[in-house]
């Protein structure tokens, strides 16, 4: 087994253990020698941590676990993802692939959006710091109770539409958090 494959397995196991139990988990981007993660991180040069380490903090795990939803909100999130892909394909772009890591980050962002309605996180840091290895674009929405409504809202906004139709995005996920007052908070995250 190659060193790269062993490293990937170890990183995956550490992340699984962290998501299951907590604790600070980090890995050094430089251990991945296939270039893809490093290349992606370079696209966000001004936001790359000085030490080159991507942190996934325990708060992320607990926030994702505080996601509140219903069968209807989960189905709407999946339906919205399909509608987004239909929009991309209509524009001659490839469909996004659902990414479980991005889904976890979207869960965090949906919960955070219910606390502070902003593309900045409640602590003031940028949205992509939830997982700076995966997240490269974000659309938020609130109040929409249908997939059609949320995607229409995004497509009617130039900046949100630009994210949906950005040709370099290849992965993504959409999560809906249902707030205590019944408001739906949508987080759509994108990656390369």
C-alpha atoms as a PDB file:
ATOM      1  CA  UNK A   1       0.000   0.000   0.000  1.00  0.00           C
ATOM      2  CA  UNK A   2       1.357   3.421  -0.935  1.00  0.00           C
ATOM      3  CA  UNK A   3       2.290   6.089   1.598  1.00  0.00           C
ATOM      4  CA  UNK A   4      -0.385   8.389   0.130  1.00  0.00           C
ATOM      5  CA  UNK A   5      -3.092   5.760   0.544  1.00  0.00           C
ATOM      6  CA  UNK A   6      -2.032   5.017   4.140  1.00  0.00           C
ATOM      7  CA  UNK A   7      -2.049   8.742   4.924  1.00  0.00           C
ATOM      8  CA  UNK A   8      -5.545   9.121   3.470  1.00  0.00           C
ATOM      9  CA  UNK A   9      -6.820   6.174   5.499  1.00  0.00           C
ATOM     10  CA  UNK A  10      -5.321   7.589   8.695  1.00  0.00           C
ATOM     11  CA  UNK A  11      -6.799  11.049   8.049  1.00  0.00           C
ATOM     12  CA  UNK A  12     -10.208   9.509   7.290  1.00  0.00           C
ATOM     13  CA  UNK A  13     -10.109   7.432  10.494  1.00  0.00           C
ATOM     14  CA  UNK A  14      -9.116  10.430  12.595  1.00  0.00           C
ATOM     15  CA  UNK A  15     -11.966  12.481  11.108  1.00  0.00           C
ATOM     16  CA  UNK A  16     -14.471   9.684  11.722  1.00  0.00           C
ATOM     17  CA  UNK A  17     -13.320   9.365  15.323  1.00  0.00           C
ATOM     18  CA  UNK A  18     -13.528  13.121  15.795  1.00  0.00           C
ATOM     19  CA  UNK A  19     -17.009  13.332  14.340  1.00  0.00           C
ATOM     20  CA  UNK A  20     -18.091  10.496  16.605  1.00  0.00           C
ATOM     21  CA  UNK A  21     -16.477  11.704  19.798  1.00  0.00           C
ATOM     22  CA  UNK A  22     -15.006  15.185  19.688  1.00  0.00           C
ATOM     23  CA  UNK A  23     -11.551  16.473  20.487  1.00  0.00           C
ATOM     24  CA  UNK A  24      -9.441  18.735  18.329  1.00  0.00           C
ATOM     25  CA  UNK A  25      -8.551  17.120  15.062  1.00  0.00           C
ATOM     26  CA  UNK A  26      -6.113  18.507  12.575  1.00  0.00           C
ATOM     27  CA  UNK A  27      -3.921  17.359   9.792  1.00  0.00           C
ATOM     28  CA  UNK A  28      -1.124  18.939   7.886  1.00  0.00           C
ATOM     29  CA  UNK A  29      -2.044  19.596   4.268  1.00  0.00           C
ATOM     30  CA  UNK A  30       1.531  18.923   3.197  1.00  0.00           C
ATOM     31  CA  UNK A  31       1.254  15.186   3.982  1.00  0.00           C
ATOM     32  CA  UNK A  32      -0.973  14.790   0.940  1.00  0.00           C
ATOM     33  CA  UNK A  33       1.435  14.544  -1.939  1.00  0.00           C
ATOM     34  CA  UNK A  34      -1.083  14.156  -4.762  1.00  0.00           C
ATOM     35  CA  UNK A  35      -1.236  17.953  -5.048  1.00  0.00           C
ATOM     36  CA  UNK A  36      -5.006  18.311  -5.194  1.00  0.00           C
ATOM     37  CA  UNK A  37      -5.581  19.607  -1.667  1.00  0.00           C
ATOM     38  CA  UNK A  38      -2.571  21.884  -1.805  1.00  0.00           C
ATOM     39  CA  UNK A  39      -3.628  23.230  -5.206  1.00  0.00           C
ATOM     40  CA  UNK A  40      -7.114  23.978  -3.903  1.00  0.00           C
ATOM     41  CA  UNK A  41      -5.756  25.678  -0.791  1.00  0.00           C
ATOM     42  CA  UNK A  42      -3.570  27.931  -2.937  1.00  0.00           C
ATOM     43  CA  UNK A  43      -6.718  29.309  -4.597  1.00  0.00           C
ATOM     44  CA  UNK A  44      -7.538  30.908  -1.261  1.00  0.00           C
ATOM     45  CA  UNK A  45      -4.053  32.275  -0.648  1.00  0.00           C
ATOM     46  CA  UNK A  46      -5.107  35.118   1.643  1.00  0.00           C
ATOM     47  CA  UNK A  47      -7.036  32.745   3.886  1.00  0.00           C
ATOM     48  CA  UNK A  48      -4.568  29.883   4.105  1.00  0.00           C
ATOM     49  CA  UNK A  49      -3.448  29.380   7.697  1.00  0.00           C
ATOM     50  CA  UNK A  50       0.172  30.429   8.140  1.00  0.00           C
ATOM     51  CA  UNK A  51       1.053  27.023   9.551  1.00  0.00           C
ATOM     52  CA  UNK A  52      -0.619  25.166   6.651  1.00  0.00           C
ATOM     53  CA  UNK A  53      -2.802  23.176   9.031  1.00  0.00           C
ATOM     54  CA  UNK A  54      -6.537  22.826   8.489  1.00  0.00           C
ATOM     55  CA  UNK A  55      -8.393  22.688  11.785  1.00  0.00           C
ATOM     56  CA  UNK A  56     -11.723  21.008  12.354  1.00  0.00           C
ATOM     57  CA  UNK A  57     -12.772  22.133  15.783  1.00  0.00           C
ATOM     58  CA  UNK A  58     -15.008  20.309  18.294  1.00  0.00           C
ATOM     59  CA  UNK A  59     -17.566  23.135  17.965  1.00  0.00           C
ATOM     60  CA  UNK A  60     -18.101  22.092  14.369  1.00  0.00           C
ATOM     61  CA  UNK A  61     -19.025  18.588  15.430  1.00  0.00           C
ATOM     62  CA  UNK A  62     -21.382  19.771  18.171  1.00  0.00           C
ATOM     63  CA  UNK A  63     -23.045  22.353  15.906  1.00  0.00           C
ATOM     64  CA  UNK A  64     -23.610  19.755  13.194  1.00  0.00           C
ATOM     65  CA  UNK A  65     -25.144  17.488  15.826  1.00  0.00           C
ATOM     66  CA  UNK A  66     -27.545  20.276  16.884  1.00  0.00           C
ATOM     67  CA  UNK A  67     -29.058  20.359  13.395  1.00  0.00           C
ATOM     68  CA  UNK A  68     -32.824  20.238  13.666  1.00  0.00           C
ATOM     69  CA  UNK A  69     -34.934  19.109  10.779  1.00  0.00           C
ATOM     70  CA  UNK A  70     -37.847  17.090   9.568  1.00  0.00           C
ATOM     71  CA  UNK A  71     -38.299  14.515   6.855  1.00  0.00           C
ATOM     72  CA  UNK A  72     -39.751  17.335   4.743  1.00  0.00           C
ATOM     73  CA  UNK A  73     -36.750  19.652   5.263  1.00  0.00           C
ATOM     74  CA  UNK A  74     -34.271  16.856   4.486  1.00  0.00           C
ATOM     75  CA  UNK A  75     -36.200  15.920   1.338  1.00  0.00           C
ATOM     76  CA  UNK A  76     -36.343  19.598   0.312  1.00  0.00           C
ATOM     77  CA  UNK A  77     -32.568  19.927   0.674  1.00  0.00           C
ATOM     78  CA  UNK A  78     -31.993  16.909  -1.594  1.00  0.00           C
ATOM     79  CA  UNK A  79     -34.596  18.182  -4.082  1.00  0.00           C
ATOM     80  CA  UNK A  80     -32.917  21.620  -4.132  1.00  0.00           C
ATOM     81  CA  UNK A  81     -29.601  19.938  -4.916  1.00  0.00           C
ATOM     82  CA  UNK A  82     -31.233  18.195  -7.885  1.00  0.00           C
ATOM     83  CA  UNK A  83     -32.769  21.484  -9.080  1.00  0.00           C
ATOM     84  CA  UNK A  84     -29.367  23.191  -8.817  1.00  0.00           C
ATOM     85  CA  UNK A  85     -27.856  20.426 -10.917  1.00  0.00           C
ATOM     86  CA  UNK A  86     -30.622  20.833 -13.495  1.00  0.00           C
ATOM     87  CA  UNK A  87     -29.796  24.575 -13.635  1.00  0.00           C
ATOM     88  CA  UNK A  88     -26.112  23.777 -14.120  1.00  0.00           C
ATOM     89  CA  UNK A  89     -26.818  21.238 -16.846  1.00  0.00           C
ATOM     90  CA  UNK A  90     -29.127  23.702 -18.628  1.00  0.00           C
ATOM     91  CA  UNK A  91     -26.171  26.099 -18.677  1.00  0.00           C
ATOM     92  CA  UNK A  92     -23.933  23.417 -20.187  1.00  0.00           C
ATOM     93  CA  UNK A  93     -22.080  22.714 -16.925  1.00  0.00           C
ATOM     94  CA  UNK A  94     -21.416  19.417 -15.230  1.00  0.00           C
ATOM     95  CA  UNK A  95     -23.571  18.398 -12.290  1.00  0.00           C
ATOM     96  CA  UNK A  96     -22.242  18.801  -8.760  1.00  0.00           C
ATOM     97  CA  UNK A  97     -21.412  15.654  -6.812  1.00  0.00           C
ATOM     98  CA  UNK A  98     -22.831  15.411  -3.293  1.00  0.00           C
ATOM     99  CA  UNK A  99     -19.957  15.448  -0.788  1.00  0.00           C
ATOM    100  CA  UNK A 100     -20.505  14.162   2.755  1.00  0.00           C
ATOM    101  CA  UNK A 101     -17.728  16.364   4.173  1.00  0.00           C
ATOM    102  CA  UNK A 102     -19.334  19.421   2.627  1.00  0.00           C
ATOM    103  CA  UNK A 103     -22.690  18.215   3.947  1.00  0.00           C
ATOM    104  CA  UNK A 104     -21.228  18.218   7.478  1.00  0.00           C
ATOM    105  CA  UNK A 105     -19.934  21.756   6.968  1.00  0.00           C
ATOM    106  CA  UNK A 106     -23.297  22.839   5.517  1.00  0.00           C
ATOM    107  CA  UNK A 107     -24.999  21.472   8.644  1.00  0.00           C
ATOM    108  CA  UNK A 108     -22.756  23.678  10.765  1.00  0.00           C
ATOM    109  CA  UNK A 109     -23.415  26.712   8.587  1.00  0.00           C
ATOM    110  CA  UNK A 110     -27.193  26.177   8.602  1.00  0.00           C
ATOM    111  CA  UNK A 111     -27.196  26.104  12.415  1.00  0.00           C
ATOM    112  CA  UNK A 112     -24.865  29.121  12.574  1.00  0.00           C
ATOM    113  CA  UNK A 113     -27.073  31.049  10.124  1.00  0.00           C
ATOM    114  CA  UNK A 114     -29.976  30.568  12.529  1.00  0.00           C
ATOM    115  CA  UNK A 115     -27.853  32.199  15.238  1.00  0.00           C
ATOM    116  CA  UNK A 116     -26.300  35.014  13.168  1.00  0.00           C
ATOM    117  CA  UNK A 117     -27.688  35.723   9.705  1.00  0.00           C
ATOM    118  CA  UNK A 118     -24.428  36.353   7.880  1.00  0.00           C
ATOM    119  CA  UNK A 119     -21.797  34.770   5.658  1.00  0.00           C
ATOM    120  CA  UNK A 120     -19.484  35.335   8.608  1.00  0.00           C
ATOM    121  CA  UNK A 121     -19.609  32.795  11.391  1.00  0.00           C
ATOM    122  CA  UNK A 122     -20.906  33.772  14.864  1.00  0.00           C
ATOM    123  CA  UNK A 123     -17.306  34.253  16.049  1.00  0.00           C
ATOM    124  CA  UNK A 124     -16.658  36.655  13.136  1.00  0.00           C
ATOM    125  CA  UNK A 125     -14.496  34.281  11.088  1.00  0.00           C
ATOM    126  CA  UNK A 126     -15.192  33.586   7.425  1.00  0.00           C
ATOM    127  CA  UNK A 127     -17.772  30.932   6.442  1.00  0.00           C
ATOM    128  CA  UNK A 128     -15.180  28.669   4.827  1.00  0.00           C
ATOM    129  CA  UNK A 129     -13.266  28.226   8.081  1.00  0.00           C
ATOM    130  CA  UNK A 130     -15.760  25.508   9.037  1.00  0.00           C
ATOM    131  CA  UNK A 131     -13.569  23.311   6.847  1.00  0.00           C
ATOM    132  CA  UNK A 132     -11.048  25.308   4.863  1.00  0.00           C
ATOM    133  CA  UNK A 133     -10.036  22.178   2.999  1.00  0.00           C
ATOM    134  CA  UNK A 134     -13.450  21.729   1.369  1.00  0.00           C
ATOM    135  CA  UNK A 135     -15.524  24.906   1.351  1.00  0.00           C
ATOM    136  CA  UNK A 136     -15.002  27.426  -1.467  1.00  0.00           C
ATOM    137  CA  UNK A 137     -18.438  28.986  -1.974  1.00  0.00           C
ATOM    138  CA  UNK A 138     -21.650  29.465  -0.024  1.00  0.00           C
ATOM    139  CA  UNK A 139     -25.289  30.366  -0.590  1.00  0.00           C
ATOM    140  CA  UNK A 140     -27.622  30.942   2.351  1.00  0.00           C
ATOM    141  CA  UNK A 141     -31.392  31.354   2.384  1.00  0.00           C
ATOM    142  CA  UNK A 142     -34.018  31.561   5.089  1.00  0.00           C
ATOM    143  CA  UNK A 143     -37.768  31.320   5.236  1.00  0.00           C
ATOM    144  CA  UNK A 144     -38.270  29.199   2.122  1.00  0.00           C
ATOM    145  CA  UNK A 145     -40.260  26.022   2.839  1.00  0.00           C
ATOM    146  CA  UNK A 146     -39.752  24.429  -0.582  1.00  0.00           C
ATOM    147  CA  UNK A 147     -36.803  23.454  -2.742  1.00  0.00           C
ATOM    148  CA  UNK A 148     -38.248  25.366  -5.696  1.00  0.00           C
ATOM    149  CA  UNK A 149     -38.590  28.536  -3.627  1.00  0.00           C
ATOM    150  CA  UNK A 150     -35.051  28.403  -2.238  1.00  0.00           C
ATOM    151  CA  UNK A 151     -33.407  27.732  -5.597  1.00  0.00           C
ATOM    152  CA  UNK A 152     -35.545  30.380  -7.311  1.00  0.00           C
ATOM    153  CA  UNK A 153     -34.433  32.868  -4.648  1.00  0.00           C
ATOM    154  CA  UNK A 154     -30.793  31.993  -5.292  1.00  0.00           C
ATOM    155  CA  UNK A 155     -31.191  32.116  -9.069  1.00  0.00           C
ATOM    156  CA  UNK A 156     -32.900  35.544  -8.823  1.00  0.00           C
ATOM    157  CA  UNK A 157     -29.821  36.916  -7.024  1.00  0.00           C
ATOM    158  CA  UNK A 158     -26.801  37.603  -9.231  1.00  0.00           C
ATOM    159  CA  UNK A 159     -24.188  36.601  -6.661  1.00  0.00           C
ATOM    160  CA  UNK A 160     -25.978  33.415  -5.586  1.00  0.00           C
ATOM    161  CA  UNK A 161     -26.619  32.459  -9.206  1.00  0.00           C
ATOM    162  CA  UNK A 162     -22.921  33.018  -9.945  1.00  0.00           C
ATOM    163  CA  UNK A 163     -22.054  30.444  -7.267  1.00  0.00           C
ATOM    164  CA  UNK A 164     -24.538  27.930  -8.668  1.00  0.00           C
ATOM    165  CA  UNK A 165     -23.232  28.399 -12.203  1.00  0.00           C
ATOM    166  CA  UNK A 166     -19.537  28.685 -11.368  1.00  0.00           C
ATOM    167  CA  UNK A 167     -17.988  26.139 -13.739  1.00  0.00           C
ATOM    168  CA  UNK A 168     -15.079  25.145 -11.475  1.00  0.00           C
ATOM    169  CA  UNK A 169     -17.286  23.946  -8.626  1.00  0.00           C
ATOM    170  CA  UNK A 170     -17.574  20.166  -8.758  1.00  0.00           C
ATOM    171  CA  UNK A 171     -18.888  19.171  -5.323  1.00  0.00           C
ATOM    172  CA  UNK A 172     -21.467  20.469  -2.903  1.00  0.00           C
ATOM    173  CA  UNK A 173     -24.287  19.822  -0.476  1.00  0.00           C
ATOM    174  CA  UNK A 174     -27.400  21.567   0.816  1.00  0.00           C
ATOM    175  CA  UNK A 175     -28.698  21.309   4.365  1.00  0.00           C
ATOM    176  CA  UNK A 176     -31.782  22.842   5.993  1.00  0.00           C
ATOM    177  CA  UNK A 177     -31.903  23.637   9.703  1.00  0.00           C
ATOM    178  CA  UNK A 178     -35.359  24.230  11.160  1.00  0.00           C
ATOM    179  CA  UNK A 179     -35.114  26.923  13.816  1.00  0.00           C
ATOM    180  CA  UNK A 180     -37.049  26.867  17.082  1.00  0.00           C
ATOM    181  CA  UNK A 181     -39.627  29.224  15.549  1.00  0.00           C
ATOM    182  CA  UNK A 182     -40.085  26.935  12.527  1.00  0.00           C
ATOM    183  CA  UNK A 183     -38.017  29.070  10.132  1.00  0.00           C
ATOM    184  CA  UNK A 184     -36.005  27.069   7.597  1.00  0.00           C
ATOM    185  CA  UNK A 185     -32.342  28.075   7.279  1.00  0.00           C
ATOM    186  CA  UNK A 186     -30.677  26.802   4.104  1.00  0.00           C
ATOM    187  CA  UNK A 187     -26.932  26.396   3.656  1.00  0.00           C
ATOM    188  CA  UNK A 188     -25.563  25.461   0.248  1.00  0.00           C
ATOM    189  CA  UNK A 189     -21.817  24.889   0.231  1.00  0.00           C
ATOM    190  CA  UNK A 190     -19.584  24.356  -2.794  1.00  0.00           C
ATOM    191  CA  UNK A 191     -16.189  22.780  -3.365  1.00  0.00           C
ATOM    192  CA  UNK A 192     -13.747  21.831  -6.097  1.00  0.00           C
END
